[in-house]
Amino acid sequence: MSALSHADHRTSPPSIHIPEDYNAAHDLIERNLLEGRTGKIAYIDDAGQYTFGEVADRVKRAATAMLGLGLRMEERVMVCLLDTIDFPVAFLGCVHAGIVPIATNTLLTTDDYEYMLRDSRARALVVSAALLPQFLPLIGRIPTLETVVVSGGAPDGMLDLATLVASAAPHVEPAATKADDVCFWGYSSGSTGAPKGTLHVHSSLIQTVELYARPILGLREDDVVFSAAKLFFAYGFGNAMTFPLAIGATAVLMAERPTPAAVFARLRQYQPTVFYGVPTLFASMLASPDLPARDDLRLRIATSAGESLPEDIGRRFEAHFGIELLDGIGSTEMLHIYLSNRPGDVRHGTTGRPVPGYLLRIVDEHGDPVPDGEQGELQVCGPTSAQGYWNKRGKSRTTFLGPWTRSGDKYRVDPDGRYVYCGRNDDMLKVSGIYVSPIEVEGALITHPAVLEAAVIGRADTDQLVKPKAFVVLKAGHAPTPALAEELRQHVKHRLAPYKYPRWIDFVAELPKTATGKIQRFKLRALD
């Protein structure tokens, strides 16, 4: 089994040839060796830097180590690792051996992990030492979990990942997987219910490169990329693993939480050319007194995903740094971004146009197309759609409709053919008989100089009529007062139709979010 040829992985989308016999890990590591990058730096993490040759060697040794633990092809391994070199090594080592890794959120609770371990029946767990305490109560309680391997220093009596990898021989020949075999799982964020194991096939990884990273971002071999979005998150997974390995770029990894201070430190030290973030982070960065000057950095482009980018944040980021910030949307189900603004064609307040290779449609509650300008549910058709959900047949049948995948997002198309985000299906408000997007109200609120973040839900008034209610996080130096609340109401009234302003405003210290930065409005509704 060979890596895709130079011609294969430069084919213009959407006609990308992927052979039937195909192993994604083998392709991602072998192509760099074939193209003479053995000595080029592939990764920089908090502990050091690693060449493409070193990464390839470690991945192949990890594959042998996993097989040596008694794991077999198609069996599952939970990978709960911080962003260090061990993530691509363990993850791709499993894939090289035909074992199915499950990329797992590192910010969950013991109960969450118990649910996922029982649901997936993973036979092994590879976990960072710092995260091990969350799993200790589960060892011996999960009948299918037989082996625990620890990254970053294993306690006595436990297997150490570095020792296992170093002592294993390279697994030279990749497992005889097919392009349509399940490659890995990713659990959905659980923002609207129990997490769902989402199954992706081998061919989907390289498709995201050829459809988005190369033609939209223009990612190059000489780029240095830094993703504040973590590797366990589908967005960060592409940003920091699939994309740089496929193209031969260098990726910076950061194990700690993506606070503005931590992000600024990496931007200054490593001078990345491409930066990937989420709207919440961009807002915090712009509000920080330590915000780097434009000339302090070498960025040429930045991207935003995970939630809709408010127009004001996009404009302020570009004004400060002098580079384009591309807002896009992807999902766990579609693996990466399928709708995006693009260089030279950015319009803030929109999510841009479809990524070539994907088809989009907006439909009403009956599944019929809506006229341009009207809101409806966004559905997407493309080659990176998941195979389905594990053990969720009913949910699979209502989400994956033949070639189409329901996004769960409300959108409309503007007169120029750009897509405008209007909120989640279950977040839309009907005020005075007219649908109101909470995103639109939130976007108006954060244009006020005192507001850092805002989230809007529906609340029934004394007449049991739904009206908008806002939860607001203030910037440092601003006090929550009734006078400020009234000022914010008037601020929204002056920017939107009067019926859209928030009747109630609660000032809060922070908003509940998933680990991927999405606001959990259902928790706000429970508090109300």
Protein backbone atom coordinates (compact mmCIF):
# COMPACT_ATOMS: atom_id res chain seq x y z
CA MET A 1 0.00 0.00 0.00
CA SER A 2 1.54 3.30 -1.06
CA ALA A 3 0.86 6.93 -0.25
CA LEU A 4 -1.15 8.97 -2.71
CA SER A 5 1.00 10.19 -5.57
CA HIS A 6 1.94 13.84 -6.00
CA ALA A 7 -0.62 14.06 -8.81
CA ASP A 8 -3.34 12.40 -6.70
CA HIS A 9 -3.15 14.84 -3.83
CA ARG A 10 -2.97 17.91 -6.07
CA THR A 11 -6.01 16.98 -8.14
CA SER A 12 -8.47 19.85 -8.25
CA PRO A 13 -11.59 19.25 -6.19
CA PRO A 14 -14.05 17.74 -6.22
CA SER A 15 -12.50 14.95 -8.36
CA ILE A 16 -10.03 13.45 -5.89
CA HIS A 17 -8.90 9.95 -6.67
CA ILE A 18 -8.40 7.75 -3.61
CA PRO A 19 -7.55 4.09 -4.24
CA GLU A 20 -9.74 1.40 -2.77
CA ASP A 21 -6.83 0.00 -0.77
CA TYR A 22 -5.93 2.97 1.42
CA ASN A 23 -4.66 3.65 4.93
CA ALA A 24 -4.92 7.28 6.04
CA ALA A 25 -2.03 7.14 8.53
CA HIS A 26 0.32 5.56 6.01
CA ASP A 27 -0.53 8.24 3.45
CA LEU A 28 -0.08 11.16 5.87
CA ILE A 29 3.34 10.09 7.11
CA GLU A 30 4.79 8.38 4.02
CA ARG A 31 4.18 11.25 1.59
CA ASN A 32 6.55 13.48 3.56
CA LEU A 33 9.33 10.91 3.39
CA LEU A 34 8.79 10.43 -0.34
CA GLU A 35 8.94 14.18 -0.92
CA GLY A 36 12.22 14.64 0.94
CA ARG A 37 10.96 16.16 4.21
CA THR A 38 12.55 13.60 6.55
CA GLY A 39 14.65 16.25 8.29
CA LYS A 40 12.06 19.06 8.23
CA ILE A 41 10.33 20.04 11.49
CA ALA A 42 6.81 18.62 11.57
CA TYR A 43 5.76 19.45 15.15
CA ILE A 44 6.75 21.77 17.95
CA ASP A 45 5.19 21.12 21.34
CA ASP A 46 5.91 22.32 24.88
CA ALA A 47 8.72 19.76 25.27
CA GLY A 48 10.58 20.07 21.97
CA GLN A 49 10.44 19.72 18.21
CA TYR A 50 10.17 16.67 15.96
CA THR A 51 11.02 16.05 12.32
CA PHE A 52 8.77 14.30 9.84
CA GLY A 53 11.19 11.39 9.94
CA GLU A 54 10.93 11.16 13.73
CA VAL A 55 7.14 11.36 13.61
CA ALA A 56 6.97 8.59 11.02
CA ASP A 57 9.24 6.37 13.11
CA ARG A 58 7.22 6.95 16.28
CA VAL A 59 3.90 6.33 14.52
CA LYS A 60 5.11 3.00 13.13
CA ARG A 61 6.50 1.96 16.52
CA ALA A 62 3.21 2.97 18.20
CA ALA A 63 1.37 0.74 15.73
CA THR A 64 3.54 -2.24 16.74
CA ALA A 65 3.07 -1.36 20.43
CA MET A 66 -0.72 -1.32 20.12
CA LEU A 67 -0.76 -4.67 18.38
CA GLY A 68 1.58 -5.96 21.07
CA LEU A 69 -1.06 -5.14 23.68
CA GLY A 70 -3.34 -7.68 22.01
CA LEU A 71 -5.47 -5.14 20.17
CA ARG A 72 -6.79 -6.30 16.82
CA MET A 73 -7.89 -4.65 13.62
CA GLU A 74 -11.18 -2.71 13.96
CA GLU A 75 -11.11 -2.79 17.77
CA ARG A 76 -11.35 0.56 19.52
CA VAL A 77 -8.97 2.62 21.67
CA MET A 78 -10.01 5.76 23.51
CA VAL A 79 -7.41 8.51 23.02
CA CYS A 80 -7.74 11.23 25.66
CA LEU A 81 -4.56 13.24 25.25
CA LEU A 82 -3.51 16.83 25.62
CA ASP A 83 -2.02 18.53 22.56
CA THR A 84 1.52 17.14 22.53
CA ILE A 85 3.44 15.01 20.03
CA ASP A 86 1.90 11.94 21.70
CA PHE A 87 -1.52 12.71 20.19
CA PRO A 88 -0.57 12.26 16.51
CA VAL A 89 1.79 9.41 17.43
CA ALA A 90 -0.82 7.38 19.34
CA PHE A 91 -3.72 8.28 17.08
CA LEU A 92 -1.96 7.57 13.79
CA GLY A 93 -0.23 4.54 15.29
CA CYS A 94 -3.66 3.01 15.88
CA VAL A 95 -4.81 3.89 12.36
CA HIS A 96 -1.63 2.47 10.81
CA ALA A 97 -2.37 -0.82 12.59
CA GLY A 98 -6.03 -0.81 11.52
CA ILE A 99 -7.15 -0.15 15.11
CA VAL A 100 -9.86 2.52 15.52
CA PRO A 101 -8.94 5.45 17.81
CA ILE A 102 -11.63 7.54 19.50
CA ALA A 103 -10.55 11.18 19.79
CA THR A 104 -11.92 12.30 23.15
CA ASN A 105 -12.62 15.68 24.73
CA THR A 106 -10.07 16.34 27.48
CA LEU A 107 -12.37 18.59 29.55
CA LEU A 108 -15.08 16.15 30.58
CA THR A 109 -16.08 14.51 33.84
CA THR A 110 -15.62 10.96 35.07
CA ASP A 111 -19.31 10.29 34.36
CA ASP A 112 -18.88 11.49 30.77
CA TYR A 113 -15.90 9.21 30.24
CA GLU A 114 -17.72 6.27 31.77
CA TYR A 115 -20.59 6.79 29.32
CA MET A 116 -18.21 6.90 26.34
CA LEU A 117 -16.17 3.89 27.45
CA ARG A 118 -19.28 1.80 27.98
CA ASP A 119 -20.90 3.03 24.77
CA SER A 120 -17.82 2.42 22.60
CA ARG A 121 -16.61 -0.76 24.33
CA ALA A 122 -13.05 0.48 23.90
CA ARG A 123 -10.54 -2.18 24.90
CA ALA A 124 -7.76 0.27 25.69
CA LEU A 125 -7.28 3.83 26.86
CA VAL A 126 -4.35 6.12 26.05
CA VAL A 127 -4.50 9.07 28.44
CA SER A 128 -2.33 12.01 29.51
CA ALA A 129 -1.02 11.75 33.07
CA ALA A 130 -2.72 15.05 33.96
CA LEU A 131 -6.09 13.58 32.94
CA LEU A 132 -5.64 10.17 34.57
CA PRO A 133 -7.41 11.12 37.86
CA GLN A 134 -10.70 11.42 35.94
CA PHE A 135 -10.33 7.81 34.81
CA LEU A 136 -8.97 6.14 37.95
CA PRO A 137 -12.46 5.47 39.42
CA LEU A 138 -13.36 3.63 36.20
CA ILE A 139 -10.46 1.20 36.08
CA GLY A 140 -11.83 -2.21 36.92
CA ARG A 141 -15.44 -1.01 36.60
CA ILE A 142 -15.66 -1.05 32.79
CA PRO A 143 -15.61 -4.73 31.74
CA THR A 144 -14.41 -4.03 28.19
CA LEU A 145 -11.54 -1.75 29.25
CA GLU A 146 -8.52 -4.04 29.59
CA THR A 147 -5.47 -1.78 29.15
CA VAL A 148 -4.50 1.76 30.21
CA VAL A 149 -1.45 3.48 28.70
CA VAL A 150 -0.29 6.79 30.16
CA SER A 151 1.42 9.66 28.34
CA GLY A 152 3.71 12.02 30.22
CA GLY A 153 4.83 9.75 33.03
CA ALA A 154 2.97 6.64 34.14
CA PRO A 155 2.46 5.83 37.83
CA ASP A 156 4.00 2.64 39.16
CA GLY A 157 2.25 -0.41 37.80
CA MET A 158 0.89 1.34 34.70
CA LEU A 159 2.12 1.23 31.12
CA ASP A 160 4.08 4.25 29.90
CA LEU A 161 3.47 5.33 26.30
CA ALA A 162 6.99 6.64 25.65
CA THR A 163 8.53 3.38 26.93
CA LEU A 164 6.17 1.24 24.86
CA VAL A 165 6.86 3.19 21.69
CA ALA A 166 10.63 3.34 22.15
CA SER A 167 10.90 -0.41 22.78
CA ALA A 168 8.70 -1.46 19.85
CA ALA A 169 9.95 -2.26 16.35
CA PRO A 170 8.52 -0.16 13.49
CA HIS A 171 5.31 -1.52 11.98
CA VAL A 172 6.54 -1.23 8.41
CA GLU A 173 3.50 -2.36 6.44
CA PRO A 174 0.21 -0.58 7.19
CA ALA A 175 -2.92 -2.57 7.89
CA ALA A 176 -4.76 -3.60 4.74
CA THR A 177 -7.60 -1.13 5.24
CA LYS A 178 -9.99 0.13 2.59
CA ALA A 179 -10.82 3.75 1.80
CA ASP A 180 -14.34 3.16 3.14
CA ASP A 181 -13.30 1.36 6.32
CA VAL A 182 -14.00 3.16 9.57
CA CYS A 183 -10.82 5.04 10.48
CA PHE A 184 -11.69 6.78 13.75
CA TRP A 185 -14.50 8.04 15.93
CA GLY A 186 -15.24 11.46 17.33
CA TYR A 187 -17.93 12.03 19.93
CA SER A 188 -20.25 14.96 19.31
CA SER A 189 -20.04 17.78 21.85
CA GLY A 190 -23.29 16.87 23.56
CA SER A 191 -24.58 20.45 23.43
CA THR A 192 -28.11 19.17 22.76
CA GLY A 193 -28.08 15.76 24.44
CA ALA A 194 -25.92 12.70 25.10
CA PRO A 195 -22.71 12.61 23.02
CA LYS A 196 -22.93 10.48 19.88
CA GLY A 197 -20.05 8.37 18.57
CA THR A 198 -19.54 9.63 15.01
CA LEU A 199 -17.82 7.21 12.60
CA HIS A 200 -15.44 8.54 9.94
CA VAL A 201 -13.76 6.57 7.16
CA HIS A 202 -10.13 6.59 5.99
CA SER A 203 -10.73 8.58 2.80
CA SER A 204 -12.36 11.53 4.58
CA LEU A 205 -9.17 12.89 6.13
CA ILE A 206 -7.38 13.66 2.88
CA GLN A 207 -10.61 14.97 1.35
CA THR A 208 -10.68 17.79 3.90
CA VAL A 209 -7.17 18.76 2.81
CA GLU A 210 -7.92 18.82 -0.90
CA LEU A 211 -11.32 20.50 -0.58
CA TYR A 212 -10.53 23.11 2.08
CA ALA A 213 -6.94 23.40 3.34
CA ARG A 214 -5.20 23.60 -0.01
CA PRO A 215 -7.67 25.56 -2.20
CA ILE A 216 -9.35 27.78 0.44
CA LEU A 217 -6.56 28.45 2.94
CA GLY A 218 -3.79 28.11 0.39
CA LEU A 219 -1.82 26.14 2.97
CA ARG A 220 1.82 25.70 1.93
CA GLU A 221 4.83 23.62 2.92
CA ASP A 222 6.57 26.72 4.30
CA ASP A 223 3.66 27.61 6.63
CA VAL A 224 3.86 27.35 10.40
CA VAL A 225 0.36 26.68 11.75
CA PHE A 226 -1.02 27.08 15.25
CA SER A 227 -4.49 25.92 16.28
CA ALA A 228 -5.91 27.10 19.59
CA ALA A 229 -8.76 24.66 18.89
CA LYS A 230 -7.60 21.34 20.31
CA LEU A 231 -6.81 18.15 18.41
CA PHE A 232 -9.75 16.21 19.89
CA PHE A 233 -12.14 18.71 18.28
CA ALA A 234 -12.85 17.99 14.56
CA TYR A 235 -11.85 21.55 13.65
CA GLY A 236 -8.53 21.35 15.52
CA PHE A 237 -7.92 17.79 14.30
CA GLY A 238 -7.80 18.99 10.71
CA ASN A 239 -5.98 22.22 11.53
CA ALA A 240 -3.08 20.74 13.47
CA MET A 241 -2.82 17.13 12.30
CA THR A 242 -4.35 16.27 8.93
CA PHE A 243 -3.56 19.56 7.16
CA PRO A 244 0.10 20.07 8.12
CA LEU A 245 0.99 16.39 7.67
CA ALA A 246 -0.66 16.25 4.24
CA ILE A 247 1.00 19.44 3.00
CA GLY A 248 4.33 19.28 4.83
CA ALA A 249 3.81 22.36 7.00
CA THR A 250 5.02 22.74 10.59
CA ALA A 251 2.45 22.66 13.42
CA VAL A 252 2.73 24.19 16.88
CA LEU A 253 0.94 22.28 19.66
CA MET A 254 -0.08 23.72 23.04
CA ALA A 255 -1.13 21.47 25.92
CA GLU A 256 -2.57 24.16 28.19
CA ARG A 257 -5.94 25.91 27.90
CA PRO A 258 -6.10 28.51 25.11
CA THR A 259 -6.19 31.65 27.23
CA PRO A 260 -5.17 34.91 25.53
CA ALA A 261 -1.88 34.91 27.46
CA ALA A 262 -1.03 31.34 26.39
CA VAL A 263 -1.96 32.04 22.78
CA PHE A 264 0.00 35.30 22.64
CA ALA A 265 3.08 33.51 24.00
CA ARG A 266 3.04 30.99 21.11
CA LEU A 267 2.24 33.63 18.50
CA ARG A 268 5.23 35.66 19.63
CA GLN A 269 7.69 32.79 20.15
CA TYR A 270 7.01 30.61 17.11
CA GLN A 271 5.72 33.26 14.66
CA PRO A 272 3.08 31.08 12.96
CA THR A 273 1.76 32.20 9.59
CA VAL A 274 -1.68 30.57 10.01
CA PHE A 275 -3.77 30.79 13.18
CA TYR A 276 -6.99 28.90 13.90
CA GLY A 277 -9.32 30.05 16.68
CA VAL A 278 -12.92 30.33 17.81
CA PRO A 279 -15.02 33.48 18.28
CA THR A 280 -14.91 33.36 22.08
CA LEU A 281 -11.11 33.38 21.98
CA PHE A 282 -10.93 36.18 19.42
CA ALA A 283 -13.18 38.33 21.63
CA SER A 284 -10.97 37.66 24.67
CA MET A 285 -7.81 38.37 22.69
CA LEU A 286 -9.12 41.71 21.47
CA ALA A 287 -10.12 42.66 25.03
CA SER A 288 -6.69 41.83 26.47
CA PRO A 289 -4.27 44.63 27.39
CA ASP A 290 -1.43 42.37 26.19
CA LEU A 291 -2.73 42.15 22.60
CA PRO A 292 0.33 41.93 20.29
CA ALA A 293 0.88 44.70 17.78
CA ARG A 294 0.45 43.91 14.10
CA ASP A 295 4.19 44.12 13.43
CA ASP A 296 5.02 41.74 16.30
CA LEU A 297 3.62 38.75 14.40
CA ARG A 298 4.06 37.02 11.05
CA LEU A 299 0.44 35.90 10.51
CA ARG A 300 -0.83 35.86 6.94
CA ILE A 301 -4.32 34.47 7.60
CA ALA A 302 -6.60 33.31 10.44
CA THR A 303 -9.75 31.22 10.57
CA SER A 304 -12.73 31.00 12.89
CA ALA A 305 -15.19 28.15 13.41
CA GLY A 306 -17.01 26.31 16.20
CA GLU A 307 -19.71 28.98 16.44
CA SER A 308 -20.76 31.93 14.31
CA LEU A 309 -18.27 34.82 14.25
CA PRO A 310 -19.96 38.11 15.19
CA GLU A 311 -19.42 40.77 12.55
CA ASP A 312 -17.94 43.26 15.02
CA ILE A 313 -15.26 40.82 16.23
CA GLY A 314 -14.24 39.95 12.68
CA ARG A 315 -13.89 43.58 11.68
CA ARG A 316 -11.93 44.55 14.80
CA PHE A 317 -9.55 41.59 14.44
CA GLU A 318 -8.79 42.47 10.83
CA ALA A 319 -8.39 46.17 11.64
CA HIS A 320 -5.86 45.38 14.36
CA PHE A 321 -3.80 42.65 12.67
CA GLY A 322 -4.22 43.65 9.04
CA ILE A 323 -5.04 40.08 7.90
CA GLU A 324 -8.25 38.39 6.84
CA LEU A 325 -10.20 36.34 9.38
CA LEU A 326 -12.15 33.63 7.56
CA ASP A 327 -15.35 32.54 9.27
CA GLY A 328 -16.51 29.04 8.32
CA ILE A 329 -18.73 26.25 9.53
CA GLY A 330 -18.08 22.55 9.83
CA SER A 331 -19.27 19.83 12.18
CA THR A 332 -18.31 16.57 13.82
CA GLU A 333 -20.58 14.87 11.26
CA MET A 334 -18.84 16.51 8.24
CA LEU A 335 -15.33 16.36 9.79
CA HIS A 336 -14.27 19.87 8.80
CA ILE A 337 -15.37 23.11 7.12
CA TYR A 338 -17.77 22.94 4.18
CA LEU A 339 -18.98 26.57 4.05
CA SER A 340 -16.54 29.44 4.36
CA ASN A 341 -15.45 32.92 3.54
CA ARG A 342 -12.24 32.87 1.54
CA PRO A 343 -9.24 35.11 0.92
CA GLY A 344 -10.22 38.18 -1.06
CA ASP A 345 -13.92 37.45 -0.58
CA VAL A 346 -14.68 38.05 3.10
CA ARG A 347 -17.94 39.54 4.23
CA HIS A 348 -18.26 39.61 8.00
CA GLY A 349 -21.67 38.70 9.32
CA THR A 350 -21.87 35.85 6.78
CA THR A 351 -20.35 32.37 6.63
CA GLY A 352 -19.40 32.90 3.01
CA ARG A 353 -20.02 30.45 0.19
CA PRO A 354 -19.96 26.64 -0.14
CA VAL A 355 -16.52 25.02 -0.27
CA PRO A 356 -16.11 23.45 -3.74
CA GLY A 357 -16.91 19.76 -3.54
CA TYR A 358 -19.88 20.32 -1.22
CA LEU A 359 -23.51 21.02 -2.12
CA LEU A 360 -25.78 22.95 0.24
CA ARG A 361 -29.52 23.42 0.45
CA ILE A 362 -31.85 25.25 2.81
CA VAL A 363 -35.18 23.57 3.51
CA ASP A 364 -38.31 24.18 5.57
CA GLU A 365 -39.77 21.88 8.23
CA HIS A 366 -41.22 19.65 5.48
CA GLY A 367 -37.91 19.27 3.68
CA ASP A 368 -38.86 21.56 0.82
CA PRO A 369 -36.42 24.23 -0.47
CA VAL A 370 -37.09 27.75 0.79
CA PRO A 371 -36.80 30.85 -1.42
CA ASP A 372 -33.55 32.83 -1.21
CA GLY A 373 -33.64 35.23 1.69
CA GLU A 374 -35.87 33.02 3.85
CA GLN A 375 -34.64 31.04 6.83
CA GLY A 376 -34.54 27.29 6.85
CA GLU A 377 -32.43 24.34 7.94
CA LEU A 378 -29.04 23.99 6.26
CA GLN A 379 -28.28 20.57 4.80
CA VAL A 380 -24.98 19.55 3.24
CA CYS A 381 -23.86 16.90 0.77
CA GLY A 382 -20.19 16.04 0.49
CA PRO A 383 -17.57 13.28 0.54
CA THR A 384 -16.53 13.74 4.20
CA SER A 385 -19.89 12.94 5.76
CA ALA A 386 -19.71 10.44 8.61
CA GLN A 387 -20.82 6.87 8.09
CA GLY A 388 -23.34 7.34 10.91
CA TYR A 389 -23.64 7.28 14.69
CA TRP A 390 -22.62 4.28 16.76
CA ASN A 391 -25.61 2.46 18.25
CA LYS A 392 -27.94 5.35 17.42
CA ARG A 393 -29.86 3.99 14.46
CA GLY A 394 -32.85 6.29 14.89
CA LYS A 395 -30.70 9.39 15.21
CA SER A 396 -28.57 8.29 12.25
CA ARG A 397 -31.66 7.93 10.07
CA THR A 398 -32.91 11.42 10.92
CA THR A 399 -29.50 13.11 10.52
CA PHE A 400 -28.01 11.34 7.49
CA LEU A 401 -30.58 11.51 4.68
CA GLY A 402 -28.98 9.56 1.85
CA PRO A 403 -26.21 11.84 0.51
CA TRP A 404 -27.47 14.76 2.61
CA THR A 405 -26.58 15.53 6.22
CA ARG A 406 -28.74 17.73 8.41
CA SER A 407 -26.64 20.42 10.09
CA GLY A 408 -29.21 21.46 12.69
CA ASP A 409 -28.39 25.09 11.82
CA LYS A 410 -30.74 27.75 10.55
CA TYR A 411 -29.47 29.77 7.58
CA ARG A 412 -30.61 32.12 4.85
CA VAL A 413 -28.92 33.11 1.60
CA ASP A 414 -28.35 36.80 0.93
CA PRO A 415 -28.76 38.39 -2.55
CA ASP A 416 -25.04 37.84 -3.30
CA GLY A 417 -25.24 34.10 -2.62
CA ARG A 418 -23.56 34.27 0.78
CA TYR A 419 -24.92 32.22 3.66
CA VAL A 420 -26.02 34.00 6.83
CA TYR A 421 -26.21 32.08 10.12
CA CYS A 422 -29.49 32.46 12.03
CA GLY A 423 -28.97 30.06 14.96
CA ARG A 424 -29.61 26.44 15.82
CA ASN A 425 -32.93 24.83 15.00
CA ASP A 426 -33.81 24.55 18.68
CA ASP A 427 -32.55 28.05 19.57
CA MET A 428 -34.72 30.13 17.23
CA LEU A 429 -37.23 32.42 18.96
CA LYS A 430 -40.65 33.36 17.64
CA VAL A 431 -41.38 36.89 18.84
CA SER A 432 -44.66 38.55 17.86
CA GLY A 433 -45.12 35.78 15.32
CA ILE A 434 -41.76 36.47 13.67
CA TYR A 435 -38.65 34.31 13.96
CA VAL A 436 -35.75 36.01 15.75
CA SER A 437 -32.20 34.70 15.62
CA PRO A 438 -30.43 34.82 19.00
CA ILE A 439 -27.18 35.19 17.04
CA GLU A 440 -28.39 38.48 15.59
CA VAL A 441 -29.27 39.89 19.02
CA GLU A 442 -25.98 38.66 20.50
CA GLY A 443 -24.10 40.28 17.63
CA ALA A 444 -25.76 43.63 18.37
CA LEU A 445 -25.01 43.39 22.09
CA ILE A 446 -21.29 42.76 21.68
CA THR A 447 -20.87 45.92 19.62
CA HIS A 448 -21.36 47.82 22.88
CA PRO A 449 -17.94 48.74 24.34
CA ALA A 450 -18.80 47.29 27.78
CA VAL A 451 -19.78 43.81 26.52
CA LEU A 452 -17.32 40.93 26.19
CA GLU A 453 -19.79 38.11 25.47
CA ALA A 454 -23.54 37.63 25.25
CA ALA A 455 -26.00 34.76 24.91
CA VAL A 456 -29.71 35.08 24.17
CA ILE A 457 -32.55 32.69 24.93
CA GLY A 458 -36.33 32.91 24.85
CA ARG A 459 -38.35 33.59 27.98
CA ALA A 460 -42.11 33.82 28.42
CA ASP A 461 -43.46 37.10 29.76
CA THR A 462 -46.48 37.47 32.08
CA ASP A 463 -48.75 36.87 29.10
CA GLN A 464 -46.81 33.70 28.24
CA LEU A 465 -45.46 35.31 25.08
CA VAL A 466 -41.84 34.59 24.18
CA LYS A 467 -39.40 37.47 24.26
CA PRO A 468 -35.56 37.59 24.13
CA LYS A 469 -33.55 37.43 27.34
CA ALA A 470 -29.82 38.14 27.36
CA PHE A 471 -27.01 36.86 29.58
CA VAL A 472 -24.09 39.29 29.37
CA VAL A 473 -20.43 39.02 30.39
CA LEU A 474 -18.87 42.45 30.85
CA LYS A 475 -15.34 43.53 30.05
CA ALA A 476 -13.01 44.35 32.93
CA GLY A 477 -13.68 47.77 34.42
CA HIS A 478 -17.43 47.79 33.79
CA ALA A 479 -19.92 47.30 36.63
CA PRO A 480 -23.29 45.55 36.19
CA THR A 481 -25.95 48.16 36.98
CA PRO A 482 -29.61 48.69 36.06
CA ALA A 483 -28.54 51.78 34.14
CA LEU A 484 -26.13 49.73 32.02
CA ALA A 485 -28.83 47.11 31.39
CA GLU A 486 -31.14 49.80 30.07
CA GLU A 487 -28.34 51.26 27.98
CA LEU A 488 -27.81 47.83 26.39
CA ARG A 489 -31.52 47.51 25.59
CA GLN A 490 -31.47 50.87 23.82
CA HIS A 491 -28.23 49.91 22.09
CA VAL A 492 -29.93 46.86 20.52
CA LYS A 493 -33.09 48.83 19.64
CA HIS A 494 -31.00 51.28 17.63
CA ARG A 495 -29.44 48.46 15.60
CA LEU A 496 -32.23 45.96 15.10
CA ALA A 497 -35.97 45.89 14.63
CA PRO A 498 -37.53 47.01 17.95
CA TYR A 499 -39.22 43.67 18.72
CA LYS A 500 -35.80 41.98 18.84
CA TYR A 501 -34.34 43.80 21.85
CA PRO A 502 -33.79 41.77 25.06
CA ARG A 503 -36.52 42.48 27.63
CA TRP A 504 -34.39 41.03 30.43
CA ILE A 505 -30.62 41.24 30.92
CA ASP A 506 -28.71 39.17 33.46
CA PHE A 507 -25.05 39.97 34.07
CA VAL A 508 -22.98 36.82 34.60
CA ALA A 509 -19.30 36.05 35.20
CA GLU A 510 -19.13 33.52 32.36
CA LEU A 511 -21.30 31.63 29.89
CA PRO A 512 -21.69 27.83 29.95
CA LYS A 513 -19.96 26.33 26.92
CA THR A 514 -18.90 23.05 25.45
CA ALA A 515 -15.17 22.38 25.21
CA THR A 516 -15.36 23.48 21.57
CA GLY A 517 -16.62 26.93 22.54
CA LYS A 518 -20.29 26.55 21.70
CA ILE A 519 -22.68 28.28 24.08
CA GLN A 520 -24.90 25.78 25.90
CA ARG A 521 -28.16 27.69 25.81
CA PHE A 522 -30.03 24.74 27.28
CA LYS A 523 -28.12 25.34 30.53
CA LEU A 524 -29.10 28.99 30.47
CA ARG A 525 -32.72 27.99 29.92
CA ALA A 526 -32.46 25.66 32.93
CA LEU A 527 -31.17 28.53 35.07
CA ASP A 528 -33.88 30.93 34.00
